[in-house]
Amino acid sequence: MIKLYLDEDVHEDIAIALRLRGYNIKTTKEARNKGFSDVEQLKYATAEDRVIISFNVADFYKLHSKFLKKGIKHSGIILSKQLPIGIIIKALLKLLSNVKRENFINNIIWLGN
């Protein structure tokens, strides 16, 4: 199963809803990583073999490109614009049921609504 890590800009209610459906989720608060840089967040997620979810589209897109250029691997990034929590949860559930774990590695996946 895909393990997820929520960036600090992602509402914690999303973690609660996904946990109720059996997903392994960790938030930045739970990891005691609040205030860490985006690089530190992505490295933490990768060390934990977790796909990071963020609304910080521009910064994580740049970070993804930087990692690829330097040959640094990551566990995957899910990016989305900020939408109502219910829409995010539905879109994540659809994505997680349709995309295999290996498709996340070193990739950005855009969350559609």
PDB file of N, CA and C in Angstrom:
ATOM      1  N   MET A   1       0.841  -1.190   0.000  1.00  0.00           N
ATOM      2  CA  MET A   1       0.000   0.000   0.000  1.00  0.00           C
ATOM      3  C   MET A   1       0.882   1.249   0.000  1.00  0.00           C
ATOM      4  N   ILE A   2       0.410   2.276  -0.633  1.00  0.00           N
ATOM      5  CA  ILE A   2       1.124   3.546  -0.705  1.00  0.00           C
ATOM      6  C   ILE A   2       1.017   4.251   0.643  1.00  0.00           C
ATOM      7  N   LYS A   3       2.167   4.676   1.163  1.00  0.00           N
ATOM      8  CA  LYS A   3       2.199   5.461   2.393  1.00  0.00           C
ATOM      9  C   LYS A   3       2.283   6.932   2.005  1.00  0.00           C
ATOM     10  N   LEU A   4       1.575   7.767   2.740  1.00  0.00           N
ATOM     11  CA  LEU A   4       1.490   9.183   2.402  1.00  0.00           C
ATOM     12  C   LEU A   4       2.024  10.069   3.516  1.00  0.00           C
ATOM     13  N   TYR A   5       2.480  11.255   3.122  1.00  0.00           N
ATOM     14  CA  TYR A   5       2.974  12.260   4.052  1.00  0.00           C
ATOM     15  C   TYR A   5       2.365  13.595   3.646  1.00  0.00           C
ATOM     16  N   LEU A   6       1.640  14.230   4.569  1.00  0.00           N
ATOM     17  CA  LEU A   6       0.983  15.488   4.255  1.00  0.00           C
ATOM     18  C   LEU A   6       1.869  16.665   4.605  1.00  0.00           C
ATOM     19  N   ASP A   7       2.140  17.499   3.620  1.00  0.00           N
ATOM     20  CA  ASP A   7       2.865  18.735   3.844  1.00  0.00           C
ATOM     21  C   ASP A   7       2.047  19.589   4.818  1.00  0.00           C
ATOM     22  N   GLU A   8       2.688  20.529   5.474  1.00  0.00           N
ATOM     23  CA  GLU A   8       1.977  21.266   6.517  1.00  0.00           C
ATOM     24  C   GLU A   8       0.879  22.177   5.996  1.00  0.00           C
ATOM     25  N   ASP A   9       0.823  22.414   4.677  1.00  0.00           N
ATOM     26  CA  ASP A   9      -0.264  23.228   4.132  1.00  0.00           C
ATOM     27  C   ASP A   9      -1.518  22.401   3.816  1.00  0.00           C
ATOM     28  N   VAL A  10      -1.455  21.103   4.021  1.00  0.00           N
ATOM     29  CA  VAL A  10      -2.594  20.220   3.755  1.00  0.00           C
ATOM     30  C   VAL A  10      -3.333  19.970   5.068  1.00  0.00           C
ATOM     31  N   HIS A  11      -4.642  20.202   5.056  1.00  0.00           N
ATOM     32  CA  HIS A  11      -5.457  20.105   6.265  1.00  0.00           C
ATOM     33  C   HIS A  11      -5.426  18.692   6.855  1.00  0.00           C
ATOM     34  N   GLU A  12      -5.283  18.616   8.155  1.00  0.00           N
ATOM     35  CA  GLU A  12      -5.164  17.327   8.840  1.00  0.00           C
ATOM     36  C   GLU A  12      -6.439  16.478   8.776  1.00  0.00           C
ATOM     37  N   ASP A  13      -7.583  17.091   8.473  1.00  0.00           N
ATOM     38  CA  ASP A  13      -8.816  16.311   8.303  1.00  0.00           C
ATOM     39  C   ASP A  13      -8.693  15.329   7.141  1.00  0.00           C
ATOM     40  N   ILE A  14      -7.844  15.659   6.180  1.00  0.00           N
ATOM     41  CA  ILE A  14      -7.611  14.744   5.057  1.00  0.00           C
ATOM     42  C   ILE A  14      -6.936  13.480   5.565  1.00  0.00           C
ATOM     43  N   ALA A  15      -5.984  13.635   6.477  1.00  0.00           N
ATOM     44  CA  ALA A  15      -5.321  12.469   7.073  1.00  0.00           C
ATOM     45  C   ALA A  15      -6.327  11.601   7.820  1.00  0.00           C
ATOM     46  N   ILE A  16      -7.199  12.224   8.575  1.00  0.00           N
ATOM     47  CA  ILE A  16      -8.206  11.474   9.348  1.00  0.00           C
ATOM     48  C   ILE A  16      -9.106  10.680   8.413  1.00  0.00           C
ATOM     49  N   ALA A  17      -9.593  11.331   7.355  1.00  0.00           N
ATOM     50  CA  ALA A  17     -10.502  10.660   6.415  1.00  0.00           C
ATOM     51  C   ALA A  17      -9.818   9.488   5.720  1.00  0.00           C
ATOM     52  N   LEU A  18      -8.561   9.650   5.320  1.00  0.00           N
ATOM     53  CA  LEU A  18      -7.863   8.566   4.628  1.00  0.00           C
ATOM     54  C   LEU A  18      -7.511   7.427   5.587  1.00  0.00           C
ATOM     55  N   ARG A  19      -7.182   7.761   6.819  1.00  0.00           N
ATOM     56  CA  ARG A  19      -6.914   6.704   7.820  1.00  0.00           C
ATOM     57  C   ARG A  19      -8.149   5.840   8.062  1.00  0.00           C
ATOM     58  N   LEU A  20      -9.302   6.481   8.090  1.00  0.00           N
ATOM     59  CA  LEU A  20     -10.551   5.732   8.287  1.00  0.00           C
ATOM     60  C   LEU A  20     -10.791   4.737   7.159  1.00  0.00           C
ATOM     61  N   ARG A  21     -10.152   4.967   6.032  1.00  0.00           N
ATOM     62  CA  ARG A  21     -10.265   4.073   4.877  1.00  0.00           C
ATOM     63  C   ARG A  21      -9.053   3.150   4.752  1.00  0.00           C
ATOM     64  N   GLY A  22      -8.217   3.130   5.807  1.00  0.00           N
ATOM     65  CA  GLY A  22      -7.132   2.167   5.873  1.00  0.00           C
ATOM     66  C   GLY A  22      -5.780   2.622   5.354  1.00  0.00           C
ATOM     67  N   TYR A  23      -5.653   3.889   4.974  1.00  0.00           N
ATOM     68  CA  TYR A  23      -4.379   4.364   4.439  1.00  0.00           C
ATOM     69  C   TYR A  23      -3.405   4.741   5.554  1.00  0.00           C
ATOM     70  N   ASN A  24      -2.127   4.552   5.277  1.00  0.00           N
ATOM     71  CA  ASN A  24      -1.046   4.880   6.194  1.00  0.00           C
ATOM     72  C   ASN A  24      -0.622   6.317   5.905  1.00  0.00           C
ATOM     73  N   ILE A  25      -0.964   7.222   6.811  1.00  0.00           N
ATOM     74  CA  ILE A  25      -0.739   8.650   6.622  1.00  0.00           C
ATOM     75  C   ILE A  25       0.083   9.191   7.795  1.00  0.00           C
ATOM     76  N   LYS A  26       0.976  10.108   7.483  1.00  0.00           N
ATOM     77  CA  LYS A  26       1.689  10.840   8.524  1.00  0.00           C
ATOM     78  C   LYS A  26       1.643  12.314   8.146  1.00  0.00           C
ATOM     79  N   THR A  27       1.411  13.164   9.130  1.00  0.00           N
ATOM     80  CA  THR A  27       1.392  14.603   8.901  1.00  0.00           C
ATOM     81  C   THR A  27       2.711  15.212   9.378  1.00  0.00           C
ATOM     82  N   THR A  28       2.979  16.428   8.935  1.00  0.00           N
ATOM     83  CA  THR A  28       4.190  17.112   9.395  1.00  0.00           C
ATOM     84  C   THR A  28       4.136  17.331  10.900  1.00  0.00           C
ATOM     85  N   LYS A  29       2.948  17.578  11.426  1.00  0.00           N
ATOM     86  CA  LYS A  29       2.801  17.771  12.876  1.00  0.00           C
ATOM     87  C   LYS A  29       3.180  16.492  13.615  1.00  0.00           C
ATOM     88  N   GLU A  30       2.681  15.363  13.157  1.00  0.00           N
ATOM     89  CA  GLU A  30       2.983  14.077  13.801  1.00  0.00           C
ATOM     90  C   GLU A  30       4.472  13.734  13.704  1.00  0.00           C
ATOM     91  N   ALA A  31       5.086  14.129  12.594  1.00  0.00           N
ATOM     92  CA  ALA A  31       6.510  13.856  12.394  1.00  0.00           C
ATOM     93  C   ALA A  31       7.392  14.891  13.104  1.00  0.00           C
ATOM     94  N   ARG A  32       6.761  15.895  13.688  1.00  0.00           N
ATOM     95  CA  ARG A  32       7.474  17.004  14.333  1.00  0.00           C
ATOM     96  C   ARG A  32       8.386  17.738  13.351  1.00  0.00           C
ATOM     97  N   ASN A  33       7.848  17.934  12.139  1.00  0.00           N
ATOM     98  CA  ASN A  33       8.600  18.591  11.072  1.00  0.00           C
ATOM     99  C   ASN A  33       8.028  19.950  10.683  1.00  0.00           C
ATOM    100  N   LYS A  34       7.135  20.505  11.509  1.00  0.00           N
ATOM    101  CA  LYS A  34       6.554  21.814  11.170  1.00  0.00           C
ATOM    102  C   LYS A  34       7.662  22.849  11.053  1.00  0.00           C
ATOM    103  N   GLY A  35       7.587  23.646   9.994  1.00  0.00           N
ATOM    104  CA  GLY A  35       8.556  24.698   9.773  1.00  0.00           C
ATOM    105  C   GLY A  35       9.789  24.254   8.998  1.00  0.00           C
ATOM    106  N   PHE A  36       9.898  22.966   8.701  1.00  0.00           N
ATOM    107  CA  PHE A  36      11.032  22.479   7.918  1.00  0.00           C
ATOM    108  C   PHE A  36      10.895  22.983   6.483  1.00  0.00           C
ATOM    109  N   SER A  37      12.011  23.107   5.789  1.00  0.00           N
ATOM    110  CA  SER A  37      11.998  23.542   4.392  1.00  0.00           C
ATOM    111  C   SER A  37      11.358  22.466   3.510  1.00  0.00           C
ATOM    112  N   ASP A  38      10.994  22.860   2.299  1.00  0.00           N
ATOM    113  CA  ASP A  38      10.421  21.900   1.353  1.00  0.00           C
ATOM    114  C   ASP A  38      11.412  20.780   1.040  1.00  0.00           C
ATOM    115  N   VAL A  39      12.684  21.119   0.923  1.00  0.00           N
ATOM    116  CA  VAL A  39      13.715  20.104   0.672  1.00  0.00           C
ATOM    117  C   VAL A  39      13.743  19.097   1.820  1.00  0.00           C
ATOM    118  N   GLU A  40      13.722  19.602   3.049  1.00  0.00           N
ATOM    119  CA  GLU A  40      13.737  18.706   4.211  1.00  0.00           C
ATOM    120  C   GLU A  40      12.478  17.842   4.260  1.00  0.00           C
ATOM    121  N   GLN A  41      11.337  18.419   3.893  1.00  0.00           N
ATOM    122  CA  GLN A  41      10.085  17.655   3.887  1.00  0.00           C
ATOM    123  C   GLN A  41      10.145  16.527   2.865  1.00  0.00           C
ATOM    124  N   LEU A  42      10.640  16.829   1.665  1.00  0.00           N
ATOM    125  CA  LEU A  42      10.715  15.810   0.620  1.00  0.00           C
ATOM    126  C   LEU A  42      11.729  14.732   0.980  1.00  0.00           C
ATOM    127  N   LYS A  43      12.852  15.125   1.544  1.00  0.00           N
ATOM    128  CA  LYS A  43      13.847  14.134   1.972  1.00  0.00           C
ATOM    129  C   LYS A  43      13.299  13.253   3.088  1.00  0.00           C
ATOM    130  N   TYR A  44      12.552  13.842   4.016  1.00  0.00           N
ATOM    131  CA  TYR A  44      11.941  13.056   5.087  1.00  0.00           C
ATOM    132  C   TYR A  44      10.955  12.049   4.502  1.00  0.00           C
ATOM    133  N   ALA A  45      10.087  12.514   3.612  1.00  0.00           N
ATOM    134  CA  ALA A  45       9.088  11.627   2.993  1.00  0.00           C
ATOM    135  C   ALA A  45       9.780  10.469   2.288  1.00  0.00           C
ATOM    136  N   THR A  46      10.847  10.767   1.577  1.00  0.00           N
ATOM    137  CA  THR A  46      11.581   9.735   0.852  1.00  0.00           C
ATOM    138  C   THR A  46      12.233   8.743   1.804  1.00  0.00           C
ATOM    139  N   ALA A  47      12.825   9.238   2.884  1.00  0.00           N
ATOM    140  CA  ALA A  47      13.450   8.354   3.870  1.00  0.00           C
ATOM    141  C   ALA A  47      12.424   7.417   4.504  1.00  0.00           C
ATOM    142  N   GLU A  48      11.177   7.874   4.598  1.00  0.00           N
ATOM    143  CA  GLU A  48      10.089   7.076   5.165  1.00  0.00           C
ATOM    144  C   GLU A  48       9.339   6.280   4.089  1.00  0.00           C
ATOM    145  N   ASP A  49       9.779   6.376   2.833  1.00  0.00           N
ATOM    146  CA  ASP A  49       9.115   5.747   1.691  1.00  0.00           C
ATOM    147  C   ASP A  49       7.658   6.185   1.585  1.00  0.00           C
ATOM    148  N   ARG A  50       7.459   7.500   1.719  1.00  0.00           N
ATOM    149  CA  ARG A  50       6.122   8.078   1.648  1.00  0.00           C
ATOM    150  C   ARG A  50       6.025   9.038   0.473  1.00  0.00           C
ATOM    151  N   VAL A  51       4.869   9.095  -0.133  1.00  0.00           N
ATOM    152  CA  VAL A  51       4.561  10.061  -1.184  1.00  0.00           C
ATOM    153  C   VAL A  51       4.070  11.319  -0.483  1.00  0.00           C
ATOM    154  N   ILE A  52       4.673  12.459  -0.804  1.00  0.00           N
ATOM    155  CA  ILE A  52       4.261  13.710  -0.164  1.00  0.00           C
ATOM    156  C   ILE A  52       3.113  14.332  -0.939  1.00  0.00           C
ATOM    157  N   ILE A  53       2.177  14.912  -0.205  1.00  0.00           N
ATOM    158  CA  ILE A  53       1.050  15.625  -0.796  1.00  0.00           C
ATOM    159  C   ILE A  53       1.178  17.086  -0.402  1.00  0.00           C
ATOM    160  N   SER A  54       1.091  17.985  -1.390  1.00  0.00           N
ATOM    161  CA  SER A  54       1.243  19.409  -1.105  1.00  0.00           C
ATOM    162  C   SER A  54       0.385  20.248  -2.041  1.00  0.00           C
ATOM    163  N   PHE A  55       0.011  21.417  -1.556  1.00  0.00           N
ATOM    164  CA  PHE A  55      -0.644  22.427  -2.385  1.00  0.00           C
ATOM    165  C   PHE A  55       0.373  23.446  -2.882  1.00  0.00           C
ATOM    166  N   ASN A  56       1.603  23.305  -2.477  1.00  0.00           N
ATOM    167  CA  ASN A  56       2.676  24.225  -2.832  1.00  0.00           C
ATOM    168  C   ASN A  56       3.229  23.829  -4.206  1.00  0.00           C
ATOM    169  N   VAL A  57       2.425  24.036  -5.215  1.00  0.00           N
ATOM    170  CA  VAL A  57       2.696  23.543  -6.566  1.00  0.00           C
ATOM    171  C   VAL A  57       4.007  24.082  -7.133  1.00  0.00           C
ATOM    172  N   ALA A  58       4.185  25.374  -7.114  1.00  0.00           N
ATOM    173  CA  ALA A  58       5.363  25.972  -7.763  1.00  0.00           C
ATOM    174  C   ALA A  58       6.661  25.491  -7.121  1.00  0.00           C
ATOM    175  N   ASP A  59       6.732  25.523  -5.794  1.00  0.00           N
ATOM    176  CA  ASP A  59       7.972  25.148  -5.115  1.00  0.00           C
ATOM    177  C   ASP A  59       8.293  23.668  -5.263  1.00  0.00           C
ATOM    178  N   PHE A  60       7.287  22.812  -5.142  1.00  0.00           N
ATOM    179  CA  PHE A  60       7.565  21.383  -5.258  1.00  0.00           C
ATOM    180  C   PHE A  60       7.843  20.967  -6.702  1.00  0.00           C
ATOM    181  N   TYR A  61       7.268  21.669  -7.666  1.00  0.00           N
ATOM    182  CA  TYR A  61       7.607  21.384  -9.067  1.00  0.00           C
ATOM    183  C   TYR A  61       9.080  21.711  -9.320  1.00  0.00           C
ATOM    184  N   LYS A  62       9.529  22.869  -8.825  1.00  0.00           N
ATOM    185  CA  LYS A  62      10.943  23.245  -8.966  1.00  0.00           C
ATOM    186  C   LYS A  62      11.850  22.259  -8.234  1.00  0.00           C
ATOM    187  N   LEU A  63      11.438  21.868  -7.050  1.00  0.00           N
ATOM    188  CA  LEU A  63      12.226  20.928  -6.253  1.00  0.00           C
ATOM    189  C   LEU A  63      12.337  19.575  -6.952  1.00  0.00           C
ATOM    190  N   HIS A  64      11.245  19.101  -7.522  1.00  0.00           N
ATOM    191  CA  HIS A  64      11.244  17.854  -8.282  1.00  0.00           C
ATOM    192  C   HIS A  64      12.251  17.935  -9.427  1.00  0.00           C
ATOM    193  N   SER A  65      12.211  19.037 -10.184  1.00  0.00           N
ATOM    194  CA  SER A  65      13.140  19.219 -11.303  1.00  0.00           C
ATOM    195  C   SER A  65      14.585  19.250 -10.823  1.00  0.00           C
ATOM    196  N   LYS A  66      14.823  19.919  -9.723  1.00  0.00           N
ATOM    197  CA  LYS A  66      16.173  20.007  -9.146  1.00  0.00           C
ATOM    198  C   LYS A  66      16.677  18.622  -8.726  1.00  0.00           C
ATOM    199  N   PHE A  67      15.821  17.840  -8.081  1.00  0.00           N
ATOM    200  CA  PHE A  67      16.191  16.481  -7.669  1.00  0.00           C
ATOM    201  C   PHE A  67      16.557  15.639  -8.894  1.00  0.00           C
ATOM    202  N   LEU A  68      15.735  15.708  -9.936  1.00  0.00           N
ATOM    203  CA  LEU A  68      15.998  14.915 -11.134  1.00  0.00           C
ATOM    204  C   LEU A  68      17.316  15.303 -11.786  1.00  0.00           C
ATOM    205  N   LYS A  69      17.583  16.598 -11.897  1.00  0.00           N
ATOM    206  CA  LYS A  69      18.833  17.068 -12.505  1.00  0.00           C
ATOM    207  C   LYS A  69      20.053  16.590 -11.735  1.00  0.00           C
ATOM    208  N   LYS A  70      19.920  16.516 -10.405  1.00  0.00           N
ATOM    209  CA  LYS A  70      21.043  16.098  -9.562  1.00  0.00           C
ATOM    210  C   LYS A  70      21.088  14.581  -9.354  1.00  0.00           C
ATOM    211  N   GLY A  71      20.121  13.864  -9.918  1.00  0.00           N
ATOM    212  CA  GLY A  71      20.085  12.417  -9.761  1.00  0.00           C
ATOM    213  C   GLY A  71      19.657  11.964  -8.380  1.00  0.00           C
ATOM    214  N   ILE A  72      18.914  12.818  -7.671  1.00  0.00           N
ATOM    215  CA  ILE A  72      18.413  12.488  -6.334  1.00  0.00           C
ATOM    216  C   ILE A  72      17.014  11.904  -6.478  1.00  0.00           C
ATOM    217  N   LYS A  73      16.810  10.742  -5.919  1.00  0.00           N
ATOM    218  CA  LYS A  73      15.498  10.083  -6.017  1.00  0.00           C
ATOM    219  C   LYS A  73      14.555  10.578  -4.922  1.00  0.00           C
ATOM    220  N   HIS A  74      13.262  10.518  -5.231  1.00  0.00           N
ATOM    221  CA  HIS A  74      12.240  10.770  -4.212  1.00  0.00           C
ATOM    222  C   HIS A  74      11.107   9.770  -4.397  1.00  0.00           C
ATOM    223  N   SER A  75      10.281   9.644  -3.367  1.00  0.00           N
ATOM    224  CA  SER A  75       9.213   8.636  -3.357  1.00  0.00           C
ATOM    225  C   SER A  75       7.962   9.058  -4.101  1.00  0.00           C
ATOM    226  N   GLY A  76       7.928  10.298  -4.544  1.00  0.00           N
ATOM    227  CA  GLY A  76       6.774  10.776  -5.294  1.00  0.00           C
ATOM    228  C   GLY A  76       6.152  11.999  -4.660  1.00  0.00           C
ATOM    229  N   ILE A  77       5.509  12.785  -5.509  1.00  0.00           N
ATOM    230  CA  ILE A  77       4.868  14.019  -5.079  1.00  0.00           C
ATOM    231  C   ILE A  77       3.477  14.076  -5.704  1.00  0.00           C
ATOM    232  N   ILE A  78       2.482  14.319  -4.870  1.00  0.00           N
ATOM    233  CA  ILE A  78       1.129  14.593  -5.355  1.00  0.00           C
ATOM    234  C   ILE A  78       0.893  16.080  -5.137  1.00  0.00           C
ATOM    235  N   LEU A  79       0.567  16.788  -6.216  1.00  0.00           N
ATOM    236  CA  LEU A  79       0.320  18.224  -6.131  1.00  0.00           C
ATOM    237  C   LEU A  79      -1.117  18.536  -6.522  1.00  0.00           C
ATOM    238  N   SER A  80      -1.653  19.546  -5.862  1.00  0.00           N
ATOM    239  CA  SER A  80      -3.013  19.984  -6.156  1.00  0.00           C
ATOM    240  C   SER A  80      -3.152  21.449  -5.796  1.00  0.00           C
ATOM    241  N   LYS A  81      -4.068  22.111  -6.461  1.00  0.00           N
ATOM    242  CA  LYS A  81      -4.456  23.426  -5.984  1.00  0.00           C
ATOM    243  C   LYS A  81      -5.361  23.198  -4.771  1.00  0.00           C
ATOM    244  N   GLN A  82      -5.516  24.218  -3.959  1.00  0.00           N
ATOM    245  CA  GLN A  82      -6.362  24.067  -2.777  1.00  0.00           C
ATOM    246  C   GLN A  82      -7.825  24.016  -3.211  1.00  0.00           C
ATOM    247  N   LEU A  83      -8.461  22.949  -2.804  1.00  0.00           N
ATOM    248  CA  LEU A  83      -9.868  22.714  -3.115  1.00  0.00           C
ATOM    249  C   LEU A  83     -10.575  22.358  -1.803  1.00  0.00           C
ATOM    250  N   PRO A  84     -11.904  22.329  -1.797  1.00  0.00           N
ATOM    251  CA  PRO A  84     -12.602  21.886  -0.594  1.00  0.00           C
ATOM    252  C   PRO A  84     -12.126  20.482  -0.174  1.00  0.00           C
ATOM    253  N   ILE A  85     -12.088  20.253   1.124  1.00  0.00           N
ATOM    254  CA  ILE A  85     -11.542  19.004   1.671  1.00  0.00           C
ATOM    255  C   ILE A  85     -12.229  17.775   1.080  1.00  0.00           C
ATOM    256  N   GLY A  86     -13.534  17.799   0.950  1.00  0.00           N
ATOM    257  CA  GLY A  86     -14.259  16.657   0.397  1.00  0.00           C
ATOM    258  C   GLY A  86     -13.827  16.314  -1.017  1.00  0.00           C
ATOM    259  N   ILE A  87     -13.584  17.320  -1.820  1.00  0.00           N
ATOM    260  CA  ILE A  87     -13.137  17.100  -3.201  1.00  0.00           C
ATOM    261  C   ILE A  87     -11.727  16.507  -3.201  1.00  0.00           C
ATOM    262  N   ILE A  88     -10.854  17.019  -2.341  1.00  0.00           N
ATOM    263  CA  ILE A  88      -9.489  16.486  -2.239  1.00  0.00           C
ATOM    264  C   ILE A  88      -9.526  15.019  -1.836  1.00  0.00           C
ATOM    265  N   ILE A  89     -10.333  14.690  -0.842  1.00  0.00           N
ATOM    266  CA  ILE A  89     -10.409  13.299  -0.362  1.00  0.00           C
ATOM    267  C   ILE A  89     -10.906  12.381  -1.476  1.00  0.00           C
ATOM    268  N   LYS A  90     -11.965  12.759  -2.158  1.00  0.00           N
ATOM    269  CA  LYS A  90     -12.493  11.937  -3.254  1.00  0.00           C
ATOM    270  C   LYS A  90     -11.454  11.746  -4.356  1.00  0.00           C
ATOM    271  N   ALA A  91     -10.776  12.824  -4.714  1.00  0.00           N
ATOM    272  CA  ALA A  91      -9.761  12.746  -5.771  1.00  0.00           C
ATOM    273  C   ALA A  91      -8.587  11.867  -5.342  1.00  0.00           C
ATOM    274  N   LEU A  92      -8.162  11.992  -4.082  1.00  0.00           N
ATOM    275  CA  LEU A  92      -7.074  11.146  -3.588  1.00  0.00           C
ATOM    276  C   LEU A  92      -7.478   9.678  -3.569  1.00  0.00           C
ATOM    277  N   LEU A  93      -8.676   9.378  -3.113  1.00  0.00           N
ATOM    278  CA  LEU A  93      -9.132   7.984  -3.088  1.00  0.00           C
ATOM    279  C   LEU A  93      -9.167   7.391  -4.489  1.00  0.00           C
ATOM    280  N   LYS A  94      -9.637   8.160  -5.444  1.00  0.00           N
ATOM    281  CA  LYS A  94      -9.662   7.696  -6.835  1.00  0.00           C
ATOM    282  C   LYS A  94      -8.241   7.462  -7.347  1.00  0.00           C
ATOM    283  N   LEU A  95      -7.358   8.424  -7.106  1.00  0.00           N
ATOM    284  CA  LEU A  95      -5.968   8.312  -7.544  1.00  0.00           C
ATOM    285  C   LEU A  95      -5.291   7.102  -6.909  1.00  0.00           C
ATOM    286  N   LEU A  96      -5.418   6.962  -5.607  1.00  0.00           N
ATOM    287  CA  LEU A  96      -4.734   5.886  -4.890  1.00  0.00           C
ATOM    288  C   LEU A  96      -5.241   4.502  -5.279  1.00  0.00           C
ATOM    289  N   SER A  97      -6.481   4.421  -5.730  1.00  0.00           N
ATOM    290  CA  SER A  97      -7.012   3.123  -6.146  1.00  0.00           C
ATOM    291  C   SER A  97      -6.638   2.781  -7.587  1.00  0.00           C
ATOM    292  N   ASN A  98      -6.171   3.784  -8.347  1.00  0.00           N
ATOM    293  CA  ASN A  98      -5.887   3.561  -9.765  1.00  0.00           C
ATOM    294  C   ASN A  98      -4.415   3.620 -10.165  1.00  0.00           C
ATOM    295  N   VAL A  99      -3.557   4.122  -9.283  1.00  0.00           N
ATOM    296  CA  VAL A  99      -2.147   4.289  -9.631  1.00  0.00           C
ATOM    297  C   VAL A  99      -1.297   3.361  -8.771  1.00  0.00           C
ATOM    298  N   LYS A 100      -0.417   2.622  -9.420  1.00  0.00           N
ATOM    299  CA  LYS A 100       0.457   1.695  -8.704  1.00  0.00           C
ATOM    300  C   LYS A 100       1.594   2.445  -8.024  1.00  0.00           C
ATOM    301  N   ARG A 101       2.083   1.881  -6.950  1.00  0.00           N
ATOM    302  CA  ARG A 101       3.150   2.491  -6.140  1.00  0.00           C
ATOM    303  C   ARG A 101       4.350   2.906  -6.998  1.00  0.00           C
ATOM    304  N   GLU A 102       4.792   2.042  -7.889  1.00  0.00           N
ATOM    305  CA  GLU A 102       5.987   2.331  -8.678  1.00  0.00           C
ATOM    306  C   GLU A 102       5.811   3.534  -9.614  1.00  0.00           C
ATOM    307  N   ASN A 103       4.568   3.889  -9.913  1.00  0.00           N
ATOM    308  CA  ASN A 103       4.321   5.038 -10.792  1.00  0.00           C
ATOM    309  C   ASN A 103       4.544   6.378 -10.088  1.00  0.00           C
ATOM    310  N   PHE A 104       4.623   6.358  -8.766  1.00  0.00           N
ATOM    311  CA  PHE A 104       4.860   7.585  -8.013  1.00  0.00           C
ATOM    312  C   PHE A 104       6.346   7.928  -7.934  1.00  0.00           C
ATOM    313  N   ILE A 105       7.207   6.929  -7.944  1.00  0.00           N
ATOM    314  CA  ILE A 105       8.631   7.130  -7.695  1.00  0.00           C
ATOM    315  C   ILE A 105       9.237   8.089  -8.721  1.00  0.00           C
ATOM    316  N   ASN A 106       9.864   9.143  -8.200  1.00  0.00           N
ATOM    317  CA  ASN A 106      10.500  10.199  -9.008  1.00  0.00           C
ATOM    318  C   ASN A 106       9.533  10.922  -9.937  1.00  0.00           C
ATOM    319  N   ASN A 107       8.271  10.936  -9.585  1.00  0.00           N
ATOM    320  CA  ASN A 107       7.265  11.597 -10.422  1.00  0.00           C
ATOM    321  C   ASN A 107       6.419  12.560  -9.615  1.00  0.00           C
ATOM    322  N   ILE A 108       5.859  13.511 -10.345  1.00  0.00           N
ATOM    323  CA  ILE A 108       4.799  14.367  -9.810  1.00  0.00           C
ATOM    324  C   ILE A 108       3.499  13.858 -10.418  1.00  0.00           C
ATOM    325  N   ILE A 109       2.500  13.735  -9.562  1.00  0.00           N
ATOM    326  CA  ILE A 109       1.177  13.377 -10.054  1.00  0.00           C
ATOM    327  C   ILE A 109       0.246  14.518  -9.657  1.00  0.00           C
ATOM    328  N   TRP A 110      -0.440  15.050 -10.650  1.00  0.00           N
ATOM    329  CA  TRP A 110      -1.360  16.160 -10.423  1.00  0.00           C
ATOM    330  C   TRP A 110      -2.714  15.606 -10.018  1.00  0.00           C
ATOM    331  N   LEU A 111      -3.244  16.114  -8.946  1.00  0.00           N
ATOM    332  CA  LEU A 111      -4.523  15.649  -8.428  1.00  0.00           C
ATOM    333  C   LEU A 111      -5.636  16.417  -9.131  1.00  0.00           C
ATOM    334  N   GLY A 112      -6.470  15.680  -9.849  1.00  0.00           N
ATOM    335  CA  GLY A 112      -7.600  16.299 -10.525  1.00  0.00           C
ATOM    336  C   GLY A 112      -8.827  16.270  -9.628  1.00  0.00           C
ATOM    337  N   ASN A 113      -9.792  17.103  -9.940  1.00  0.00           N
ATOM    338  CA  ASN A 113     -11.011  17.106  -9.100  1.00  0.00           C
ATOM    339  C   ASN A 113     -12.182  16.520  -9.819  1.00  0.00           C
TER     340      ASN A 113
END
